[in-house]
Amino acid sequence: MNDASFAAELQRVSLNEAQEILEDTEAAFMKIESNPDDAKTIDKIFRLVHPIKGSAQVAGFVELGNFTHTFENLLGLIRDRKLAVTADVADNLLAGNDSLRLFVAELKKSANADVNCDQVSQRIEHAITAEVVDKAKPVRNVETSAN
């Protein structure tokens, strides 16, 4: 096997595994939507998505790896209980999962496919940034003394 065929095989296997993993995450996301406090399912989703990122980067799918990393950051905040699964966050989770599925499907058609997940990435980054900014704001004591 030469380098080119090895790389093509690595990409094929990576995408097939990602597709299988994403089928498992679909059901898990539906569980989270109905039970946002299910820590076991949240942890499972994080553990499912994490290897997609690594595999994508090893296989040369840099943009898929970058998008998955952003998505994984959101999942990490949820897993660590730093972000509650509100309706808006659940929408971002489902949009992220849908985007990953689309990304993988398009890359399976063509390893050079250009999939634009910028809008979903921005929504996810906004949710993450809003959470970090809210936590970083100093709490001001509103009581004043009348001296």
Protein backbone atom coordinates (compact mmCIF):
# COMPACT_ATOMS: atom_id res chain seq x y z
CA MET A 1 0.00 0.00 0.00
CA ASN A 2 1.46 3.38 -0.97
CA ASP A 3 1.12 6.62 1.00
CA ALA A 4 -1.77 7.93 -1.11
CA SER A 5 -3.85 4.78 -0.76
CA PHE A 6 -3.07 4.62 2.97
CA ALA A 7 -4.25 8.22 3.40
CA ALA A 8 -7.42 7.53 1.39
CA GLU A 9 -8.14 4.43 3.46
CA LEU A 10 -7.55 6.36 6.69
CA GLN A 11 -9.99 9.03 5.56
CA ARG A 12 -12.59 6.45 4.52
CA VAL A 13 -12.39 4.59 7.83
CA SER A 14 -12.45 7.85 9.80
CA LEU A 15 -15.60 9.04 8.04
CA ASN A 16 -17.36 5.68 8.34
CA GLU A 17 -16.66 5.57 12.07
CA ALA A 18 -17.78 9.18 12.48
CA GLN A 19 -21.03 8.40 10.69
CA GLU A 20 -21.69 5.42 12.99
CA ILE A 21 -20.90 7.49 16.08
CA LEU A 22 -23.22 10.28 14.97
CA GLU A 23 -26.07 7.81 14.57
CA ASP A 24 -25.60 6.94 18.24
CA THR A 25 -25.51 10.58 19.30
CA GLU A 26 -28.85 11.37 17.64
CA ALA A 27 -30.76 9.25 20.15
CA ALA A 28 -28.67 10.62 23.02
CA PHE A 29 -29.47 14.21 22.03
CA MET A 30 -33.16 13.40 21.99
CA LYS A 31 -32.80 12.03 25.54
CA ILE A 32 -31.07 15.23 26.66
CA GLU A 33 -33.78 17.36 25.12
CA SER A 34 -36.40 15.60 27.26
CA ASN A 35 -34.16 15.24 30.35
CA PRO A 36 -31.52 18.01 30.41
CA ASP A 37 -30.12 16.89 33.77
CA ASP A 38 -29.16 13.40 32.59
CA ALA A 39 -25.45 13.56 33.42
CA LYS A 40 -24.79 10.02 32.20
CA THR A 41 -26.12 10.78 28.71
CA ILE A 42 -24.27 14.10 28.54
CA ASP A 43 -21.03 12.32 29.41
CA LYS A 44 -21.77 9.66 26.78
CA ILE A 45 -22.26 12.31 24.10
CA PHE A 46 -18.99 13.98 25.02
CA ARG A 47 -17.16 10.64 24.84
CA LEU A 48 -18.75 9.89 21.47
CA VAL A 49 -17.87 13.24 19.89
CA HIS A 50 -14.29 13.41 21.19
CA PRO A 51 -12.87 10.67 18.91
CA ILE A 52 -14.48 12.28 15.86
CA LYS A 53 -12.29 15.33 16.45
CA GLY A 54 -9.09 13.35 16.83
CA SER A 55 -9.80 11.04 13.94
CA ALA A 56 -10.69 13.96 11.66
CA GLN A 57 -7.45 15.73 12.46
CA VAL A 58 -5.33 12.61 11.95
CA ALA A 59 -7.09 11.90 8.64
CA GLY A 60 -6.40 15.44 7.41
CA PHE A 61 -9.93 16.83 7.76
CA VAL A 62 -8.80 19.97 9.56
CA GLU A 63 -12.06 21.91 9.26
CA LEU A 64 -14.10 18.96 10.52
CA GLY A 65 -11.68 18.69 13.44
CA ASN A 66 -11.99 22.41 14.17
CA PHE A 67 -15.78 22.37 14.07
CA THR A 68 -15.90 19.26 16.25
CA HIS A 69 -13.56 20.95 18.73
CA THR A 70 -15.93 23.92 19.01
CA PHE A 71 -18.86 21.56 19.50
CA GLU A 72 -16.88 19.57 22.06
CA ASN A 73 -16.23 22.78 24.05
CA LEU A 74 -19.98 23.30 24.37
CA LEU A 75 -20.46 19.70 25.43
CA GLY A 76 -17.67 20.07 27.99
CA LEU A 77 -19.37 23.06 29.62
CA ILE A 78 -22.59 21.08 29.84
CA ARG A 79 -20.82 17.99 31.18
CA ASP A 80 -19.01 20.06 33.80
CA ARG A 81 -22.31 21.69 34.83
CA LYS A 82 -21.11 25.14 33.82
CA LEU A 83 -23.90 25.51 31.30
CA ALA A 84 -27.49 24.39 31.71
CA VAL A 85 -29.32 22.68 28.88
CA THR A 86 -31.90 25.33 28.14
CA ALA A 87 -34.11 25.20 25.04
CA ASP A 88 -31.59 27.44 23.24
CA VAL A 89 -28.64 25.25 24.22
CA ALA A 90 -30.58 22.12 23.17
CA ASP A 91 -31.18 23.78 19.77
CA ASN A 92 -27.43 24.42 19.48
CA LEU A 93 -26.69 20.79 20.36
CA LEU A 94 -29.06 19.51 17.70
CA ALA A 95 -27.75 22.02 15.14
CA GLY A 96 -24.20 20.97 15.93
CA ASN A 97 -25.04 17.31 15.55
CA ASP A 98 -26.86 17.96 12.27
CA SER A 99 -23.88 19.95 11.01
CA LEU A 100 -21.48 17.16 11.92
CA ARG A 101 -23.66 14.65 10.09
CA LEU A 102 -23.81 16.89 7.00
CA PHE A 103 -20.07 17.52 7.15
CA VAL A 104 -19.28 13.79 7.32
CA ALA A 105 -21.75 12.96 4.54
CA GLU A 106 -20.27 15.60 2.23
CA LEU A 107 -16.70 14.49 2.95
CA LYS A 108 -17.70 10.91 2.13
CA LYS A 109 -18.79 12.15 -1.30
CA SER A 110 -15.59 14.15 -1.79
CA ALA A 111 -12.61 14.38 0.56
CA ASN A 112 -12.19 17.97 -0.68
CA ALA A 113 -15.77 19.03 0.06
CA ASP A 114 -16.10 22.52 1.46
CA VAL A 115 -18.81 22.43 4.11
CA ASN A 116 -19.73 25.74 5.69
CA CYS A 117 -20.62 25.32 9.36
CA ASP A 118 -19.74 28.91 10.23
CA GLN A 119 -23.25 29.89 11.29
CA VAL A 120 -23.60 26.95 13.67
CA SER A 121 -20.03 27.47 14.93
CA GLN A 122 -20.85 31.10 15.67
CA ARG A 123 -24.03 30.12 17.53
CA ILE A 124 -22.09 27.59 19.61
CA GLU A 125 -19.24 30.03 20.26
CA HIS A 126 -21.77 32.68 21.27
CA ALA A 127 -23.35 30.27 23.79
CA ILE A 128 -19.90 29.45 25.16
CA THR A 129 -18.76 33.09 25.26
CA ALA A 130 -21.97 34.27 26.88
CA GLU A 131 -21.52 31.66 29.60
CA VAL A 132 -17.88 32.57 30.20
CA VAL A 133 -18.64 36.31 30.24
CA ASP A 134 -21.54 35.82 32.67
CA LYS A 135 -19.32 33.81 35.03
CA ALA A 136 -16.52 36.39 34.80
CA LYS A 137 -18.67 39.41 35.68
CA PRO A 138 -17.92 40.66 39.16
CA VAL A 139 -20.81 40.45 41.57
CA ARG A 140 -21.50 43.84 43.01
CA ASN A 141 -22.93 44.28 46.41
CA VAL A 142 -26.01 46.43 45.96
CA GLU A 143 -26.42 47.17 49.66
CA THR A 144 -25.17 50.56 50.63
CA SER A 145 -24.61 51.94 54.08
CA ALA A 146 -26.16 55.25 54.92
CA ASN A 147 -23.30 56.83 56.86
